[in-house]
Protein backbone atom coordinates (compact mmCIF):
# COMPACT_ATOMS: atom_id res chain seq x y z
CA UNK A 1 -0.11 -0.06 0.19
CA UNK A 2 1.43 3.49 -0.75
CA UNK A 3 1.21 5.88 1.91
CA UNK A 4 3.08 8.64 0.11
CA UNK A 5 1.10 12.04 -0.17
CA UNK A 6 2.14 14.39 -2.99
CA UNK A 7 2.39 17.80 -1.54
CA UNK A 8 0.84 19.53 -4.40
CA UNK A 9 -2.23 17.31 -4.22
CA UNK A 10 -1.93 18.01 -0.17
CA UNK A 11 -2.06 21.82 -0.92
CA UNK A 12 -4.62 21.72 -3.70
CA UNK A 13 -7.03 19.67 -1.23
CA UNK A 14 -7.05 22.33 1.26
CA UNK A 15 -7.14 25.64 -1.54
CA UNK A 16 -7.87 23.90 -4.73
CA UNK A 17 -11.29 25.66 -5.06
CA UNK A 18 -11.84 28.88 -6.85
CA UNK A 19 -13.50 30.42 -4.36
CA UNK A 20 -11.28 29.38 -1.43
CA UNK A 21 -8.49 31.11 -3.17
CA UNK A 22 -10.28 34.31 -3.58
CA UNK A 23 -11.33 34.35 0.12
CA UNK A 24 -7.68 34.17 1.17
CA UNK A 25 -7.08 37.17 -1.36
CA UNK A 26 -9.66 39.14 0.30
CA UNK A 27 -8.42 38.20 3.77
CA UNK A 28 -4.84 38.89 2.64
CA UNK A 29 -5.62 42.47 1.33
CA UNK A 30 -7.71 43.27 4.64
CA UNK A 31 -7.84 40.89 7.81
CA UNK A 32 -10.76 40.80 10.06
CA UNK A 33 -13.82 41.05 7.67
CA UNK A 34 -17.38 40.13 8.34
CA UNK A 35 -19.22 38.08 6.06
CA UNK A 36 -20.89 40.58 4.14
CA UNK A 37 -17.75 42.09 3.25
CA UNK A 38 -16.52 38.67 1.94
CA UNK A 39 -19.78 38.38 -0.13
CA UNK A 40 -19.49 41.93 -1.58
CA UNK A 41 -15.89 41.55 -2.30
CA UNK A 42 -15.95 38.22 -4.10
CA UNK A 43 -17.97 38.43 -7.69
CA UNK A 44 -20.28 35.51 -8.06
CA UNK A 45 -20.20 33.68 -5.05
CA UNK A 46 -23.65 32.92 -3.33
CA UNK A 47 -24.45 33.04 0.31
CA UNK A 48 -24.48 29.32 0.25
CA UNK A 49 -20.97 28.96 -1.12
CA UNK A 50 -19.14 31.18 0.88
CA UNK A 51 -20.52 29.74 3.98
CA UNK A 52 -19.39 26.25 2.87
CA UNK A 53 -16.08 27.38 1.89
CA UNK A 54 -15.66 29.44 5.34
CA UNK A 55 -16.88 26.39 7.39
CA UNK A 56 -14.14 23.95 5.52
CA UNK A 57 -11.14 26.52 5.92
CA UNK A 58 -11.95 27.02 9.29
CA UNK A 59 -12.00 23.11 9.97
CA UNK A 60 -8.80 22.95 7.70
CA UNK A 61 -7.18 25.62 10.02
CA UNK A 62 -6.60 28.37 7.36
CA UNK A 63 -8.98 30.93 9.02
CA UNK A 64 -10.57 31.56 12.23
CA UNK A 65 -14.03 32.98 13.02
CA UNK A 66 -14.47 35.05 15.96
CA UNK A 67 -18.02 35.97 17.14
CA UNK A 68 -18.97 39.06 19.19
CA UNK A 69 -21.34 39.11 21.81
CA UNK A 70 -23.60 41.75 20.45
CA UNK A 71 -27.11 42.31 18.80
CA UNK A 72 -27.08 41.81 16.15
CA UNK A 73 -24.48 38.90 16.25
CA UNK A 74 -21.29 40.16 14.85
CA UNK A 75 -18.78 37.48 13.23
CA UNK A 76 -15.48 38.21 11.86
CA UNK A 77 -12.97 36.25 10.23
CA UNK A 78 -9.40 36.52 9.83
CA UNK A 79 -6.29 34.39 8.52
CA UNK A 80 -4.69 31.88 10.98
CA UNK A 81 -0.84 31.73 10.94
CA UNK A 82 -1.38 28.83 8.61
CA UNK A 83 -3.82 30.81 6.38
CA UNK A 84 -1.10 33.74 6.27
CA UNK A 85 1.58 31.25 5.44
CA UNK A 86 -0.05 31.02 1.85
CA UNK A 87 0.94 34.71 1.18
CA UNK A 88 4.05 33.77 -0.91
CA UNK A 89 2.53 31.45 -2.89
CA UNK A 90 -0.59 33.98 -3.65
CA UNK A 91 1.74 36.80 -4.61
CA UNK A 92 3.50 34.16 -6.81
CA UNK A 93 0.20 33.69 -8.48
CA UNK A 94 -0.67 37.40 -8.74
CA UNK A 95 2.67 38.04 -10.20
CA UNK A 96 2.35 35.47 -12.79
CA UNK A 97 -1.45 36.62 -13.51
CA UNK A 98 -0.26 40.24 -13.89
CA UNK A 99 2.03 39.04 -16.80
CA UNK A 100 -0.64 36.99 -18.34
CA UNK A 101 -2.96 39.71 -18.43
CA UNK A 102 -0.17 42.28 -19.75
CA UNK A 103 0.27 39.84 -22.39
CA UNK A 104 -3.31 39.72 -23.41
CA UNK A 105 -3.60 43.37 -22.97
CA UNK A 106 -6.30 43.45 -20.28
CA UNK A 107 -6.31 45.54 -17.35
CA UNK A 108 -5.59 44.58 -14.01
CA UNK A 109 -6.70 44.96 -10.45
CA UNK A 110 -4.13 44.40 -7.29
CA UNK A 111 -5.54 42.67 -4.41
CA UNK A 112 -2.17 41.66 -2.78
CA UNK A 113 0.58 44.13 -2.17
CA UNK A 114 3.78 43.29 -3.72
């Protein structure tokens, strides 16, 4: 039985979903975001999908969820140390994407500070 695990496969199992990468992008650009901020900042994501992805990311230790005892309830999401450790990889993807967009003659928007 082969018990070896491919590191790329392990990483993709954690963040290999389109919405997870965009959630990470938004939390890297501004930490401590409320659900509504994340929903507004990610084009095309539904409330249900955002909820599902946030729960998975919290279970995997990438983000933390802080609930404030207020009325109405206030919940904020932020990256954990593990989530923050993904920043260099996302910056590399951003750099690659900038080059690709430049070659295609398309406009770009910065989300992660270089």
